[in-house]
Amino acid sequence: MAERDYVLGTHDDEIYRLGYQHRVWRPRALDAWARAHIGDGCKVIDFGAGPGFATMDLAEMVGPTGEVHALERSRRFLDTLEAQAKARGFAQVKAHEIDIVTDAIPVKDADAAWARWIFAFLPNPKDALKKLVAALKPGGTLVFHEYIDYQTWKLAPPAPNFEKFVDEVSANWRASGGEPDIARHLPAWLTEMGLKVESLKPYVDVVSKNDNVWRWPIGFFDIHIDRLLELDRITPQTAKDMRDEFARVSQLPGTLMVTPLVLEIIARK
């Protein structure tokens, strides 16, 4: 299968960003998996596994008698994932180089499935969800972390150019076939497909520059300005204005960041 990068690529800087992102969100992921009863001997699908940071944690939870099936389309991401699994002796990790949009899921009767910021990027998310539900055994659980209100991402005090950046990201996201606020749809779709939504939990942070969480969305901000330039969605002057404003506002005493609102969903088949 030919290499097919994500919007932000699969280069080393992006792998590092994804690793940092996972470290920020890891406690919440571990908590959700525990409440979904993922444990020893479970067969779990990591839907859109990326470089495998969550995969490794899931492998620890299911142990050597379990299985973690990592579904990922990027060969470069899978190389990183497989290298991690080999280094840690995780024979329970099974990597699958597939496109989760177009390909069949090569797993049946899974105990659980996990997806974080995947459905928001898919052109036909409901169809992909149907395939994932079909791969679960009766009583199996789905765990999602997806945005429900991306527009909560703001600076305080207000920064107009930063808000313009968030608007442009959302518009470009939708123009490419995705939906940043996909979690507005998922609970209804899951119910329609016969699952029981067992838990809904919102996550939003208000942090200062001294908080490690600050670096999570800002890594995206730095990279995606260049992407918007490449797509001619913003001008070089607008990009400069965005960066200059952020540099200025972030240095002001008392500046805070409100992160994009994420909804955690746990549903049982």
Protein backbone atom coordinates (compact mmCIF):
# COMPACT_ATOMS: atom_id res chain seq x y z
CA MET A 1 0.00 0.00 0.00
CA ALA A 2 1.36 3.42 -0.93
CA GLU A 3 2.17 5.85 1.85
CA ARG A 4 -0.74 8.23 2.49
CA ASP A 5 0.00 10.95 4.96
CA TYR A 6 -2.44 12.65 7.25
CA VAL A 7 -3.08 16.38 6.97
CA LEU A 8 -0.08 17.16 9.18
CA GLY A 9 2.13 14.45 7.70
CA THR A 10 3.94 11.50 9.24
CA HIS A 11 7.36 13.10 9.68
CA ASP A 12 9.41 13.02 12.88
CA ASP A 13 8.03 16.32 14.21
CA GLU A 14 4.47 15.03 13.84
CA ILE A 15 5.32 11.74 15.54
CA TYR A 16 6.79 13.73 18.43
CA ARG A 17 3.68 15.94 18.57
CA LEU A 18 1.42 12.90 18.68
CA GLY A 19 3.55 11.39 21.43
CA TYR A 20 3.29 14.55 23.50
CA GLN A 21 -0.44 14.71 22.84
CA HIS A 22 -0.83 11.16 24.13
CA ARG A 23 1.16 11.92 27.28
CA VAL A 24 -1.20 14.81 28.03
CA TRP A 25 -4.31 12.70 27.44
CA ARG A 26 -2.98 9.37 28.74
CA PRO A 27 -4.50 9.60 32.27
CA ARG A 28 -7.95 10.21 30.80
CA ALA A 29 -7.56 7.39 28.29
CA LEU A 30 -6.45 4.93 30.96
CA ASP A 31 -9.41 5.92 33.13
CA ALA A 32 -11.87 5.47 30.28
CA TRP A 33 -10.47 2.06 29.33
CA ALA A 34 -10.69 0.87 32.94
CA ARG A 35 -14.34 1.99 33.15
CA ALA A 36 -14.98 0.16 29.87
CA HIS A 37 -13.58 -2.99 31.54
CA ILE A 38 -10.62 -3.40 29.19
CA GLY A 39 -8.26 -5.77 30.97
CA ASP A 40 -6.36 -9.06 30.91
CA GLY A 41 -7.11 -11.25 27.93
CA CYS A 42 -9.26 -8.74 26.04
CA LYS A 43 -9.20 -8.39 22.27
CA VAL A 44 -9.13 -4.65 21.48
CA ILE A 45 -9.20 -2.63 18.25
CA ASP A 46 -7.15 0.57 18.15
CA PHE A 47 -9.01 2.31 15.34
CA GLY A 48 -6.62 4.69 13.58
CA ALA A 49 -3.63 3.83 15.77
CA GLY A 50 -1.10 6.31 14.39
CA PRO A 51 2.44 5.68 15.69
CA GLY A 52 1.04 3.47 18.43
CA PHE A 53 1.35 5.40 21.68
CA ALA A 54 -2.12 4.35 22.84
CA THR A 55 -1.55 0.89 21.37
CA MET A 56 1.34 0.27 23.77
CA ASP A 57 -0.76 1.26 26.79
CA LEU A 58 -3.59 -0.98 25.62
CA ALA A 59 -1.11 -3.84 25.19
CA GLU A 60 -0.08 -3.45 28.81
CA MET A 61 -3.73 -3.52 29.92
CA VAL A 62 -4.67 -6.68 28.00
CA GLY A 63 -1.44 -8.48 28.82
CA PRO A 64 0.22 -11.35 26.92
CA THR A 65 -3.03 -13.33 26.71
CA GLY A 66 -4.89 -10.47 25.02
CA GLU A 67 -4.68 -8.88 21.58
CA VAL A 68 -4.48 -5.29 20.41
CA HIS A 69 -5.25 -4.88 16.72
CA ALA A 70 -3.80 -1.59 15.51
CA LEU A 71 -5.52 -0.37 12.33
CA GLU A 72 -3.52 2.30 10.51
CA ARG A 73 -3.03 3.37 6.89
CA SER A 74 0.39 5.07 7.19
CA ARG A 75 3.32 2.70 6.72
CA ARG A 76 5.65 5.15 8.43
CA PHE A 77 3.42 5.33 11.50
CA LEU A 78 3.21 1.54 11.53
CA ASP A 79 7.01 1.27 11.38
CA THR A 80 7.17 3.33 14.58
CA LEU A 81 4.39 1.29 16.16
CA GLU A 82 5.97 -2.05 15.30
CA ALA A 83 9.37 -0.92 16.52
CA GLN A 84 7.85 0.04 19.87
CA ALA A 85 6.06 -3.29 20.16
CA LYS A 86 9.21 -5.25 19.32
CA ALA A 87 11.33 -3.27 21.79
CA ARG A 88 8.82 -3.98 24.57
CA GLY A 89 8.21 -7.60 23.66
CA PHE A 90 4.53 -7.05 22.97
CA ALA A 91 3.62 -10.05 20.82
CA GLN A 92 -0.02 -9.23 21.60
CA VAL A 93 0.15 -6.22 19.26
CA LYS A 94 -1.10 -7.01 15.76
CA ALA A 95 -0.52 -4.27 13.19
CA HIS A 96 -2.79 -3.98 10.13
CA GLU A 97 -1.92 -1.62 7.27
CA ILE A 98 -5.41 -0.74 6.10
CA ASP A 99 -7.52 2.27 5.21
CA ILE A 100 -10.26 2.34 7.81
CA VAL A 101 -12.54 4.20 5.39
CA THR A 102 -12.39 1.82 2.42
CA ASP A 103 -11.11 -1.51 3.76
CA ALA A 104 -12.83 -4.21 5.77
CA ILE A 105 -11.88 -4.50 9.43
CA PRO A 106 -9.80 -7.70 9.77
CA VAL A 107 -11.03 -8.43 13.32
CA LYS A 108 -14.16 -10.17 14.57
CA ASP A 109 -15.72 -10.54 18.03
CA ALA A 110 -13.58 -7.86 19.66
CA ASP A 111 -14.17 -7.10 23.32
CA ALA A 112 -13.58 -3.38 22.86
CA ALA A 113 -12.54 -0.69 20.41
CA TRP A 114 -10.91 2.68 20.95
CA ALA A 115 -10.78 5.78 18.74
CA ARG A 116 -9.46 9.25 19.50
CA TRP A 117 -9.77 12.13 17.02
CA ILE A 118 -10.35 9.75 14.13
CA PHE A 119 -14.02 10.04 13.18
CA ALA A 120 -13.73 13.82 12.94
CA PHE A 121 -11.46 13.38 9.91
CA LEU A 122 -13.37 10.68 8.05
CA PRO A 123 -15.41 11.54 4.93
CA ASN A 124 -18.08 8.92 5.75
CA PRO A 125 -17.91 8.58 9.53
CA LYS A 126 -21.25 6.83 9.97
CA ASP A 127 -20.29 4.06 7.54
CA ALA A 128 -16.96 3.60 9.34
CA LEU A 129 -18.80 3.43 12.66
CA LYS A 130 -21.08 0.68 11.34
CA LYS A 131 -18.02 -1.39 10.39
CA LEU A 132 -16.48 -0.87 13.82
CA VAL A 133 -19.71 -1.83 15.60
CA ALA A 134 -19.93 -4.98 13.47
CA ALA A 135 -16.41 -5.97 14.57
CA LEU A 136 -17.48 -6.05 18.24
CA LYS A 137 -18.94 -9.08 19.97
CA PRO A 138 -22.27 -8.67 21.82
CA GLY A 139 -21.50 -6.88 25.08
CA GLY A 140 -18.36 -5.30 23.63
CA THR A 141 -17.59 -1.66 24.34
CA LEU A 142 -16.63 1.34 22.24
CA VAL A 143 -14.60 4.19 23.74
CA PHE A 144 -14.27 7.53 21.93
CA HIS A 145 -12.56 10.83 22.53
CA GLU A 146 -13.83 13.27 19.90
CA TYR A 147 -14.47 17.02 19.74
CA ILE A 148 -18.00 18.21 20.37
CA ASP A 149 -17.31 21.97 20.21
CA TYR A 150 -14.01 22.88 18.56
CA GLN A 151 -14.83 26.59 18.79
CA THR A 152 -14.20 26.63 22.54
CA TRP A 153 -10.50 26.85 21.66
CA LYS A 154 -9.77 30.45 22.63
CA LEU A 155 -7.33 32.68 24.44
CA ALA A 156 -8.23 34.89 27.38
CA PRO A 157 -7.99 37.83 27.02
CA PRO A 158 -9.54 37.55 23.54
CA ALA A 159 -7.20 37.30 20.56
CA PRO A 160 -9.05 37.97 17.27
CA ASN A 161 -6.37 36.53 14.99
CA PHE A 162 -6.20 33.36 17.04
CA GLU A 163 -9.98 32.99 16.74
CA LYS A 164 -9.65 33.54 12.98
CA PHE A 165 -7.13 30.69 12.93
CA VAL A 166 -9.59 28.36 14.66
CA ASP A 167 -12.32 29.41 12.21
CA GLU A 168 -10.05 28.71 9.23
CA VAL A 169 -9.03 25.32 10.61
CA SER A 170 -12.69 24.36 11.06
CA ALA A 171 -13.62 25.56 7.57
CA ASN A 172 -10.72 23.70 5.96
CA TRP A 173 -11.55 20.59 7.98
CA ARG A 174 -15.12 20.59 6.68
CA ALA A 175 -14.00 21.40 3.12
CA SER A 176 -11.85 18.26 3.15
CA GLY A 177 -14.85 16.13 4.13
CA GLY A 178 -14.40 15.97 7.90
CA GLU A 179 -16.46 17.34 10.78
CA PRO A 180 -14.60 18.80 13.77
CA ASP A 181 -17.68 18.56 16.03
CA ILE A 182 -18.36 14.91 15.16
CA ALA A 183 -19.23 14.04 18.79
CA ARG A 184 -22.52 15.91 18.30
CA HIS A 185 -23.55 13.02 16.06
CA LEU A 186 -21.96 9.93 17.59
CA PRO A 187 -24.34 9.29 20.55
CA ALA A 188 -27.41 9.37 18.29
CA TRP A 189 -25.75 7.13 15.70
CA LEU A 190 -24.69 4.64 18.37
CA THR A 191 -28.22 4.53 19.77
CA GLU A 192 -29.63 4.08 16.26
CA MET A 193 -27.26 1.11 15.78
CA GLY A 194 -28.59 -0.55 18.91
CA LEU A 195 -25.83 0.29 21.37
CA LYS A 196 -26.36 1.61 24.85
CA VAL A 197 -24.48 4.80 25.66
CA GLU A 198 -23.20 4.13 29.18
CA SER A 199 -21.14 7.24 29.83
CA LEU A 200 -20.74 10.77 28.48
CA LYS A 201 -17.96 12.87 29.94
CA PRO A 202 -16.84 16.33 28.72
CA TYR A 203 -13.23 17.46 28.91
CA VAL A 204 -12.11 21.06 28.64
CA ASP A 205 -9.12 22.72 30.29
CA VAL A 206 -8.34 26.32 31.14
CA VAL A 207 -4.57 26.56 31.45
CA SER A 208 -1.72 29.04 31.67
CA LYS A 209 1.50 28.88 29.69
CA ASN A 210 3.15 27.17 32.65
CA ASP A 211 0.84 24.16 32.36
CA ASN A 212 2.01 21.23 30.23
CA VAL A 213 -1.45 21.04 28.64
CA TRP A 214 -0.71 24.40 26.96
CA ARG A 215 1.77 22.72 24.63
CA TRP A 216 -0.75 20.16 23.39
CA PRO A 217 -2.89 22.42 21.15
CA ILE A 218 -0.08 24.88 20.47
CA GLY A 219 1.92 22.21 18.67
CA PHE A 220 -1.02 21.98 16.27
CA PHE A 221 -1.21 25.78 15.99
CA ASP A 222 2.44 26.03 14.94
CA ILE A 223 2.22 23.32 12.29
CA HIS A 224 -1.22 24.11 10.90
CA ILE A 225 -0.55 27.76 10.10
CA ASP A 226 1.92 26.51 7.49
CA ARG A 227 -0.68 24.09 6.20
CA LEU A 228 -3.25 26.88 5.79
CA LEU A 229 -0.65 28.86 3.87
CA GLU A 230 0.01 25.93 1.54
CA LEU A 231 -3.70 25.68 0.83
CA ASP A 232 -3.98 29.45 0.18
CA ARG A 233 -6.61 29.73 2.90
CA ILE A 234 -4.64 32.55 4.52
CA THR A 235 -2.10 35.06 3.24
CA PRO A 236 1.50 35.35 4.46
CA GLN A 237 0.51 38.59 6.20
CA THR A 238 -2.37 36.86 7.99
CA ALA A 239 -0.03 34.08 9.08
CA LYS A 240 2.40 36.66 10.45
CA ASP A 241 -0.41 38.49 12.23
CA MET A 242 -1.55 35.23 13.83
CA ARG A 243 1.91 34.32 15.04
CA ASP A 244 2.75 37.85 16.20
CA GLU A 245 -0.50 38.19 18.13
CA PHE A 246 -0.04 34.83 19.79
CA ALA A 247 3.54 35.62 20.78
CA ARG A 248 2.41 38.91 22.29
CA VAL A 249 -0.71 37.66 24.08
CA SER A 250 0.96 34.53 25.44
CA GLN A 251 3.56 36.68 27.21
CA LEU A 252 0.99 38.80 29.02
CA PRO A 253 0.65 38.01 32.73
CA GLY A 254 -2.54 36.10 33.40
CA THR A 255 -3.16 34.92 29.83
CA LEU A 256 -5.12 31.68 29.73
CA MET A 257 -6.06 29.17 27.06
CA VAL A 258 -9.40 27.37 26.84
CA THR A 259 -8.92 24.04 25.04
CA PRO A 260 -11.30 22.55 22.45
CA LEU A 261 -14.17 20.73 24.14
CA VAL A 262 -13.81 16.94 23.92
CA LEU A 263 -16.57 14.43 24.63
CA GLU A 264 -15.69 11.00 25.97
CA ILE A 265 -18.24 8.37 24.96
CA ILE A 266 -18.44 4.82 26.29
CA ALA A 267 -21.07 2.65 24.60
CA ARG A 268 -21.89 -1.06 24.85
CA LYS A 269 -23.17 -3.31 22.06
